[in-house]
């Protein structure tokens, strides 16, 4: 991911869907976060491209990045997932 990390968070959320390279979660505060990238360790442990984990609750550790060439563009990367 190109950019600078601006924040790292740990929150609970429900996995909703994978589409076109994006992973959508609804967080406990009802905010929808779409993740553009997932760490290789998470991909090995959880096949989020299948429906197996749809509507499952996770503890999500994720990073927020600000794009170096566009400070208005923030992207999200899942660093760790824990099924709860």
PDB file of N, CA and C in Angstrom:
ATOM      1  N   UNK A   1       0.856  -1.164   0.000  1.00  0.00           N
ATOM      2  CA  UNK A   1       0.000   0.000   0.000  1.00  0.00           C
ATOM      3  C   UNK A   1       0.905   1.231   0.000  1.00  0.00           C
ATOM      4  N   UNK A   2       0.677   2.123  -0.914  1.00  0.00           N
ATOM      5  CA  UNK A   2       1.456   3.355  -0.982  1.00  0.00           C
ATOM      6  C   UNK A   2       0.814   4.399  -0.095  1.00  0.00           C
ATOM      7  N   UNK A   3       1.612   4.968   0.781  1.00  0.00           N
ATOM      8  CA  UNK A   3       1.080   6.003   1.650  1.00  0.00           C
ATOM      9  C   UNK A   3       1.677   5.908   3.028  1.00  0.00           C
ATOM     10  N   UNK A   4       1.225   6.793   3.875  1.00  0.00           N
ATOM     11  CA  UNK A   4       1.713   6.872   5.243  1.00  0.00           C
ATOM     12  C   UNK A   4       0.609   6.455   6.196  1.00  0.00           C
ATOM     13  N   UNK A   5       0.966   5.629   7.174  1.00  0.00           N
ATOM     14  CA  UNK A   5      -0.024   5.204   8.160  1.00  0.00           C
ATOM     15  C   UNK A   5      -0.371   6.395   9.051  1.00  0.00           C
ATOM     16  N   UNK A   6      -1.660   6.599   9.252  1.00  0.00           N
ATOM     17  CA  UNK A   6      -2.082   7.713  10.100  1.00  0.00           C
ATOM     18  C   UNK A   6      -2.751   7.232  11.377  1.00  0.00           C
ATOM     19  N   UNK A   7      -3.174   5.971  11.395  1.00  0.00           N
ATOM     20  CA  UNK A   7      -3.890   5.484  12.562  1.00  0.00           C
ATOM     21  C   UNK A   7      -3.944   3.968  12.514  1.00  0.00           C
ATOM     22  N   UNK A   8      -3.949   3.333  13.687  1.00  0.00           N
ATOM     23  CA  UNK A   8      -4.212   1.905  13.767  1.00  0.00           C
ATOM     24  C   UNK A   8      -5.295   1.703  14.812  1.00  0.00           C
ATOM     25  N   UNK A   9      -6.284   0.898  14.476  1.00  0.00           N
ATOM     26  CA  UNK A   9      -7.464   0.719  15.318  1.00  0.00           C
ATOM     27  C   UNK A   9      -7.743  -0.756  15.555  1.00  0.00           C
ATOM     28  N   UNK A  10      -8.424  -1.035  16.662  1.00  0.00           N
ATOM     29  CA  UNK A  10      -8.958  -2.363  16.940  1.00  0.00           C
ATOM     30  C   UNK A  10     -10.433  -2.165  17.261  1.00  0.00           C
ATOM     31  N   UNK A  11     -11.290  -2.784  16.450  1.00  0.00           N
ATOM     32  CA  UNK A  11     -12.740  -2.662  16.628  1.00  0.00           C
ATOM     33  C   UNK A  11     -13.392  -3.996  16.314  1.00  0.00           C
ATOM     34  N   UNK A  12     -14.618  -4.155  16.766  1.00  0.00           N
ATOM     35  CA  UNK A  12     -15.409  -5.329  16.419  1.00  0.00           C
ATOM     36  C   UNK A  12     -16.340  -4.972  15.275  1.00  0.00           C
ATOM     37  N   UNK A  13     -16.547  -5.966  14.405  1.00  0.00           N
ATOM     38  CA  UNK A  13     -17.440  -5.745  13.285  1.00  0.00           C
ATOM     39  C   UNK A  13     -17.879  -7.061  12.668  1.00  0.00           C
ATOM     40  N   UNK A  14     -18.851  -6.973  11.788  1.00  0.00           N
ATOM     41  CA  UNK A  14     -19.418  -8.136  11.109  1.00  0.00           C
ATOM     42  C   UNK A  14     -19.026  -8.075   9.643  1.00  0.00           C
ATOM     43  N   UNK A  15     -18.473  -9.193   9.146  1.00  0.00           N
ATOM     44  CA  UNK A  15     -18.099  -9.266   7.737  1.00  0.00           C
ATOM     45  C   UNK A  15     -19.360  -9.390   6.896  1.00  0.00           C
ATOM     46  N   UNK A  16     -19.499  -8.525   5.898  1.00  0.00           N
ATOM     47  CA  UNK A  16     -20.691  -8.534   5.057  1.00  0.00           C
ATOM     48  C   UNK A  16     -20.447  -9.123   3.680  1.00  0.00           C
ATOM     49  N   UNK A  17     -19.378  -8.663   2.995  1.00  0.00           N
ATOM     50  CA  UNK A  17     -19.168  -9.206   1.653  1.00  0.00           C
ATOM     51  C   UNK A  17     -17.800  -8.834   1.108  1.00  0.00           C
ATOM     52  N   UNK A  18     -17.409  -9.621   0.107  1.00  0.00           N
ATOM     53  CA  UNK A  18     -16.231  -9.343  -0.703  1.00  0.00           C
ATOM     54  C   UNK A  18     -16.739  -9.023  -2.099  1.00  0.00           C
ATOM     55  N   UNK A  19     -16.245  -7.950  -2.687  1.00  0.00           N
ATOM     56  CA  UNK A  19     -16.647  -7.618  -4.052  1.00  0.00           C
ATOM     57  C   UNK A  19     -15.555  -6.803  -4.731  1.00  0.00           C
ATOM     58  N   UNK A  20     -15.220  -7.186  -5.930  1.00  0.00           N
ATOM     59  CA  UNK A  20     -14.270  -6.449  -6.774  1.00  0.00           C
ATOM     60  C   UNK A  20     -12.988  -6.053  -6.046  1.00  0.00           C
ATOM     61  N   UNK A  21     -12.473  -6.939  -5.198  1.00  0.00           N
ATOM     62  CA  UNK A  21     -11.229  -6.658  -4.495  1.00  0.00           C
ATOM     63  C   UNK A  21     -11.386  -5.900  -3.194  1.00  0.00           C
ATOM     64  N   UNK A  22     -12.614  -5.675  -2.753  1.00  0.00           N
ATOM     65  CA  UNK A  22     -12.877  -4.929  -1.523  1.00  0.00           C
ATOM     66  C   UNK A  22     -13.596  -5.816  -0.506  1.00  0.00           C
ATOM     67  N   UNK A  23     -13.315  -5.571   0.773  1.00  0.00           N
ATOM     68  CA  UNK A  23     -13.882  -6.341   1.874  1.00  0.00           C
ATOM     69  C   UNK A  23     -14.718  -5.395   2.737  1.00  0.00           C
ATOM     70  N   UNK A  24     -16.009  -5.693   2.858  1.00  0.00           N
ATOM     71  CA  UNK A  24     -16.908  -4.785   3.578  1.00  0.00           C
ATOM     72  C   UNK A  24     -17.280  -5.358   4.947  1.00  0.00           C
ATOM     73  N   UNK A  25     -17.124  -4.513   5.975  1.00  0.00           N
ATOM     74  CA  UNK A  25     -17.503  -4.850   7.343  1.00  0.00           C
ATOM     75  C   UNK A  25     -18.430  -3.769   7.879  1.00  0.00           C
ATOM     76  N   UNK A  26     -19.392  -4.184   8.714  1.00  0.00           N
ATOM     77  CA  UNK A  26     -20.216  -3.235   9.461  1.00  0.00           C
ATOM     78  C   UNK A  26     -19.716  -3.294  10.901  1.00  0.00           C
ATOM     79  N   UNK A  27     -19.212  -2.168  11.365  1.00  0.00           N
ATOM     80  CA  UNK A  27     -18.631  -2.097  12.694  1.00  0.00           C
ATOM     81  C   UNK A  27     -19.739  -2.012  13.752  1.00  0.00           C
ATOM     82  N   UNK A  28     -19.364  -2.236  15.007  1.00  0.00           N
ATOM     83  CA  UNK A  28     -20.346  -2.206  16.102  1.00  0.00           C
ATOM     84  C   UNK A  28     -21.072  -0.871  16.211  1.00  0.00           C
ATOM     85  N   UNK A  29     -20.427   0.210  15.777  1.00  0.00           N
ATOM     86  CA  UNK A  29     -21.070   1.534  15.828  1.00  0.00           C
ATOM     87  C   UNK A  29     -21.915   1.808  14.577  1.00  0.00           C
ATOM     88  N   UNK A  30     -22.151   0.761  13.769  1.00  0.00           N
ATOM     89  CA  UNK A  30     -22.962   0.804  12.540  1.00  0.00           C
ATOM     90  C   UNK A  30     -22.245   1.457  11.355  1.00  0.00           C
ATOM     91  N   UNK A  31     -21.008   1.892  11.546  1.00  0.00           N
ATOM     92  CA  UNK A  31     -20.231   2.452  10.438  1.00  0.00           C
ATOM     93  C   UNK A  31     -19.820   1.321   9.496  1.00  0.00           C
ATOM     94  N   UNK A  32     -19.915   1.568   8.209  1.00  0.00           N
ATOM     95  CA  UNK A  32     -19.466   0.609   7.200  1.00  0.00           C
ATOM     96  C   UNK A  32     -18.056   0.998   6.787  1.00  0.00           C
ATOM     97  N   UNK A  33     -17.132   0.035   6.886  1.00  0.00           N
ATOM     98  CA  UNK A  33     -15.763   0.271   6.432  1.00  0.00           C
ATOM     99  C   UNK A  33     -15.461  -0.721   5.324  1.00  0.00           C
ATOM    100  N   UNK A  34     -14.928  -0.205   4.239  1.00  0.00           N
ATOM    101  CA  UNK A  34     -14.525  -1.028   3.107  1.00  0.00           C
ATOM    102  C   UNK A  34     -13.000  -1.056   3.088  1.00  0.00           C
ATOM    103  N   UNK A  35     -12.459  -2.253   3.207  1.00  0.00           N
ATOM    104  CA  UNK A  35     -11.015  -2.439   3.242  1.00  0.00           C
ATOM    105  C   UNK A  35     -10.508  -2.782   1.853  1.00  0.00           C
ATOM    106  N   UNK A  36      -9.453  -2.084   1.443  1.00  0.00           N
ATOM    107  CA  UNK A  36      -8.867  -2.302   0.126  1.00  0.00           C
ATOM    108  C   UNK A  36      -7.787  -3.369   0.141  1.00  0.00           C
ATOM    109  N   UNK A  37      -7.216  -3.609   1.310  1.00  0.00           N
ATOM    110  CA  UNK A  37      -6.098  -4.536   1.392  1.00  0.00           C
ATOM    111  C   UNK A  37      -6.205  -5.353   2.668  1.00  0.00           C
ATOM    112  N   UNK A  38      -5.702  -6.589   2.598  1.00  0.00           N
ATOM    113  CA  UNK A  38      -5.702  -7.499   3.737  1.00  0.00           C
ATOM    114  C   UNK A  38      -4.310  -8.111   3.834  1.00  0.00           C
ATOM    115  N   UNK A  39      -3.789  -8.216   5.045  1.00  0.00           N
ATOM    116  CA  UNK A  39      -2.450  -8.783   5.216  1.00  0.00           C
ATOM    117  C   UNK A  39      -2.434 -10.243   4.764  1.00  0.00           C
ATOM    118  N   UNK A  40      -1.293 -10.723   4.279  1.00  0.00           N
ATOM    119  CA  UNK A  40      -1.186 -12.120   3.834  1.00  0.00           C
ATOM    120  C   UNK A  40      -1.536 -13.129   4.932  1.00  0.00           C
ATOM    121  N   UNK A  41      -1.207 -12.834   6.187  1.00  0.00           N
ATOM    122  CA  UNK A  41      -1.546 -13.751   7.290  1.00  0.00           C
ATOM    123  C   UNK A  41      -3.050 -13.922   7.432  1.00  0.00           C
ATOM    124  N   UNK A  42      -3.800 -12.849   7.266  1.00  0.00           N
ATOM    125  CA  UNK A  42      -5.264 -12.915   7.355  1.00  0.00           C
ATOM    126  C   UNK A  42      -5.817 -13.713   6.180  1.00  0.00           C
ATOM    127  N   UNK A  43      -5.284 -13.486   5.000  1.00  0.00           N
ATOM    128  CA  UNK A  43      -5.754 -14.206   3.810  1.00  0.00           C
ATOM    129  C   UNK A  43      -5.538 -15.706   3.965  1.00  0.00           C
ATOM    130  N   UNK A  44      -4.402 -16.101   4.547  1.00  0.00           N
ATOM    131  CA  UNK A  44      -4.129 -17.531   4.763  1.00  0.00           C
ATOM    132  C   UNK A  44      -5.089 -18.144   5.781  1.00  0.00           C
ATOM    133  N   UNK A  45      -5.490 -17.370   6.771  1.00  0.00           N
ATOM    134  CA  UNK A  45      -6.331 -17.903   7.848  1.00  0.00           C
ATOM    135  C   UNK A  45      -7.825 -17.857   7.524  1.00  0.00           C
ATOM    136  N   UNK A  46      -8.261 -16.820   6.829  1.00  0.00           N
ATOM    137  CA  UNK A  46      -9.687 -16.622   6.554  1.00  0.00           C
ATOM    138  C   UNK A  46      -9.908 -16.396   5.063  1.00  0.00           C
ATOM    139  N   UNK A  47     -10.705 -17.271   4.439  1.00  0.00           N
ATOM    140  CA  UNK A  47     -11.044 -17.098   3.020  1.00  0.00           C
ATOM    141  C   UNK A  47     -12.263 -16.181   2.927  1.00  0.00           C
ATOM    142  N   UNK A  48     -11.999 -14.895   2.926  1.00  0.00           N
ATOM    143  CA  UNK A  48     -13.092 -13.919   2.908  1.00  0.00           C
ATOM    144  C   UNK A  48     -13.741 -13.788   1.535  1.00  0.00           C
ATOM    145  N   UNK A  49     -13.156 -14.414   0.530  1.00  0.00           N
ATOM    146  CA  UNK A  49     -13.766 -14.364  -0.804  1.00  0.00           C
ATOM    147  C   UNK A  49     -14.922 -15.355  -0.924  1.00  0.00           C
ATOM    148  N   UNK A  50     -14.984 -16.307  -0.017  1.00  0.00           N
ATOM    149  CA  UNK A  50     -16.104 -17.255  -0.003  1.00  0.00           C
ATOM    150  C   UNK A  50     -17.191 -16.709   0.928  1.00  0.00           C
ATOM    151  N   UNK A  51     -18.315 -17.387   0.987  1.00  0.00           N
ATOM    152  CA  UNK A  51     -19.411 -16.967   1.872  1.00  0.00           C
ATOM    153  C   UNK A  51     -19.284 -17.561   3.276  1.00  0.00           C
ATOM    154  N   UNK A  52     -18.228 -18.313   3.526  1.00  0.00           N
ATOM    155  CA  UNK A  52     -18.072 -19.021   4.797  1.00  0.00           C
ATOM    156  C   UNK A  52     -18.104 -18.094   6.016  1.00  0.00           C
ATOM    157  N   UNK A  53     -17.533 -16.904   5.896  1.00  0.00           N
ATOM    158  CA  UNK A  53     -17.447 -15.993   7.036  1.00  0.00           C
ATOM    159  C   UNK A  53     -18.435 -14.827   6.957  1.00  0.00           C
ATOM    160  N   UNK A  54     -19.335 -14.892   5.985  1.00  0.00           N
ATOM    161  CA  UNK A  54     -20.348 -13.841   5.854  1.00  0.00           C
ATOM    162  C   UNK A  54     -21.213 -13.800   7.113  1.00  0.00           C
ATOM    163  N   UNK A  55     -21.450 -12.593   7.626  1.00  0.00           N
ATOM    164  CA  UNK A  55     -22.254 -12.347   8.823  1.00  0.00           C
ATOM    165  C   UNK A  55     -21.623 -12.880  10.114  1.00  0.00           C
ATOM    166  N   UNK A  56     -20.318 -13.152  10.084  1.00  0.00           N
ATOM    167  CA  UNK A  56     -19.584 -13.559  11.289  1.00  0.00           C
ATOM    168  C   UNK A  56     -18.953 -12.327  11.930  1.00  0.00           C
ATOM    169  N   UNK A  57     -18.844 -12.357  13.251  1.00  0.00           N
ATOM    170  CA  UNK A  57     -18.257 -11.243  14.001  1.00  0.00           C
ATOM    171  C   UNK A  57     -16.761 -11.456  14.193  1.00  0.00           C
ATOM    172  N   UNK A  58     -16.022 -10.370  14.040  1.00  0.00           N
ATOM    173  CA  UNK A  58     -14.573 -10.397  14.171  1.00  0.00           C
ATOM    174  C   UNK A  58     -14.099  -9.238  15.033  1.00  0.00           C
ATOM    175  N   UNK A  59     -12.965  -9.453  15.682  1.00  0.00           N
ATOM    176  CA  UNK A  59     -12.182  -8.346  16.220  1.00  0.00           C
ATOM    177  C   UNK A  59     -11.200  -7.991  15.106  1.00  0.00           C
ATOM    178  N   UNK A  60     -11.232  -6.755  14.655  1.00  0.00           N
ATOM    179  CA  UNK A  60     -10.476  -6.324  13.478  1.00  0.00           C
ATOM    180  C   UNK A  60      -9.409  -5.326  13.902  1.00  0.00           C
ATOM    181  N   UNK A  61      -8.164  -5.658  13.613  1.00  0.00           N
ATOM    182  CA  UNK A  61      -7.068  -4.705  13.778  1.00  0.00           C
ATOM    183  C   UNK A  61      -6.767  -4.179  12.387  1.00  0.00           C
ATOM    184  N   UNK A  62      -6.874  -2.871  12.220  1.00  0.00           N
ATOM    185  CA  UNK A  62      -6.665  -2.314  10.886  1.00  0.00           C
ATOM    186  C   UNK A  62      -5.911  -1.000  10.945  1.00  0.00           C
ATOM    187  N   UNK A  63      -5.308  -0.685   9.818  1.00  0.00           N
ATOM    188  CA  UNK A  63      -4.549   0.558   9.673  1.00  0.00           C
ATOM    189  C   UNK A  63      -5.248   1.466   8.685  1.00  0.00           C
ATOM    190  N   UNK A  64      -5.165   2.757   8.970  1.00  0.00           N
ATOM    191  CA  UNK A  64      -5.636   3.782   8.033  1.00  0.00           C
ATOM    192  C   UNK A  64      -4.408   4.413   7.395  1.00  0.00           C
ATOM    193  N   UNK A  65      -4.447   4.536   6.089  1.00  0.00           N
ATOM    194  CA  UNK A  65      -3.344   5.137   5.344  1.00  0.00           C
ATOM    195  C   UNK A  65      -3.834   6.366   4.607  1.00  0.00           C
ATOM    196  N   UNK A  66      -2.985   7.357   4.537  1.00  0.00           N
ATOM    197  CA  UNK A  66      -3.273   8.521   3.710  1.00  0.00           C
ATOM    198  C   UNK A  66      -2.348   8.426   2.502  1.00  0.00           C
ATOM    199  N   UNK A  67      -2.909   8.594   1.332  1.00  0.00           N
ATOM    200  CA  UNK A  67      -2.122   8.492   0.108  1.00  0.00           C
ATOM    201  C   UNK A  67      -1.134   9.649   0.019  1.00  0.00           C
ATOM    202  N   UNK A  68       0.101   9.331  -0.330  1.00  0.00           N
ATOM    203  CA  UNK A  68       1.148  10.353  -0.400  1.00  0.00           C
ATOM    204  C   UNK A  68       0.838  11.452  -1.408  1.00  0.00           C
ATOM    205  N   UNK A  69       0.210  11.076  -2.523  1.00  0.00           N
ATOM    206  CA  UNK A  69      -0.044  12.065  -3.570  1.00  0.00           C
ATOM    207  C   UNK A  69      -1.426  12.713  -3.471  1.00  0.00           C
ATOM    208  N   UNK A  70      -2.252  12.252  -2.529  1.00  0.00           N
ATOM    209  CA  UNK A  70      -3.593  12.821  -2.365  1.00  0.00           C
ATOM    210  C   UNK A  70      -3.989  12.711  -0.896  1.00  0.00           C
ATOM    211  N   UNK A  71      -3.771  13.768  -0.149  1.00  0.00           N
ATOM    212  CA  UNK A  71      -4.010  13.722   1.292  1.00  0.00           C
ATOM    213  C   UNK A  71      -5.480  13.570   1.659  1.00  0.00           C
ATOM    214  N   UNK A  72      -6.385  13.745   0.703  1.00  0.00           N
ATOM    215  CA  UNK A  72      -7.808  13.570   0.973  1.00  0.00           C
ATOM    216  C   UNK A  72      -8.238  12.109   0.864  1.00  0.00           C
ATOM    217  N   UNK A  73      -7.384  11.263   0.300  1.00  0.00           N
ATOM    218  CA  UNK A  73      -7.733   9.864   0.073  1.00  0.00           C
ATOM    219  C   UNK A  73      -7.182   8.998   1.200  1.00  0.00           C
ATOM    220  N   UNK A  74      -8.090   8.392   1.970  1.00  0.00           N
ATOM    221  CA  UNK A  74      -7.711   7.494   3.056  1.00  0.00           C
ATOM    222  C   UNK A  74      -8.115   6.085   2.655  1.00  0.00           C
ATOM    223  N   UNK A  75      -7.223   5.124   2.857  1.00  0.00           N
ATOM    224  CA  UNK A  75      -7.533   3.733   2.563  1.00  0.00           C
ATOM    225  C   UNK A  75      -7.293   2.899   3.814  1.00  0.00           C
ATOM    226  N   UNK A  76      -7.874   1.708   3.829  1.00  0.00           N
ATOM    227  CA  UNK A  76      -7.861   0.859   5.009  1.00  0.00           C
ATOM    228  C   UNK A  76      -7.269  -0.502   4.675  1.00  0.00           C
ATOM    229  N   UNK A  77      -6.463  -1.039   5.616  1.00  0.00           N
ATOM    230  CA  UNK A  77      -5.845  -2.358   5.457  1.00  0.00           C
ATOM    231  C   UNK A  77      -6.098  -3.162   6.729  1.00  0.00           C
ATOM    232  N   UNK A  78      -6.595  -4.385   6.570  1.00  0.00           N
ATOM    233  CA  UNK A  78      -6.774  -5.286   7.708  1.00  0.00           C
ATOM    234  C   UNK A  78      -5.419  -5.895   8.040  1.00  0.00           C
ATOM    235  N   UNK A  79      -5.003  -5.727   9.281  1.00  0.00           N
ATOM    236  CA  UNK A  79      -3.727  -6.277   9.745  1.00  0.00           C
ATOM    237  C   UNK A  79      -3.927  -7.630  10.425  1.00  0.00           C
ATOM    238  N   UNK A  80      -4.996  -7.746  11.245  1.00  0.00           N
ATOM    239  CA  UNK A  80      -5.307  -8.984  11.968  1.00  0.00           C
ATOM    240  C   UNK A  80      -6.815  -9.142  12.070  1.00  0.00           C
ATOM    241  N   UNK A  81      -7.253 -10.396  12.068  1.00  0.00           N
ATOM    242  CA  UNK A  81      -8.659 -10.721  12.316  1.00  0.00           C
ATOM    243  C   UNK A  81      -8.719 -11.812  13.369  1.00  0.00           C
ATOM    244  N   UNK A  82      -9.693 -11.692  14.257  1.00  0.00           N
ATOM    245  CA  UNK A  82      -9.935 -12.727  15.258  1.00  0.00           C
ATOM    246  C   UNK A  82     -11.435 -12.978  15.290  1.00  0.00           C
ATOM    247  N   UNK A  83     -11.826 -14.212  15.022  1.00  0.00           N
ATOM    248  CA  UNK A  83     -13.239 -14.588  15.052  1.00  0.00           C
ATOM    249  C   UNK A  83     -13.739 -14.530  16.496  1.00  0.00           C
ATOM    250  N   UNK A  84     -14.876 -13.859  16.705  1.00  0.00           N
ATOM    251  CA  UNK A  84     -15.432 -13.761  18.072  1.00  0.00           C
ATOM    252  C   UNK A  84     -16.863 -14.265  18.104  1.00  0.00           C
TER     253      UNK A  84
END
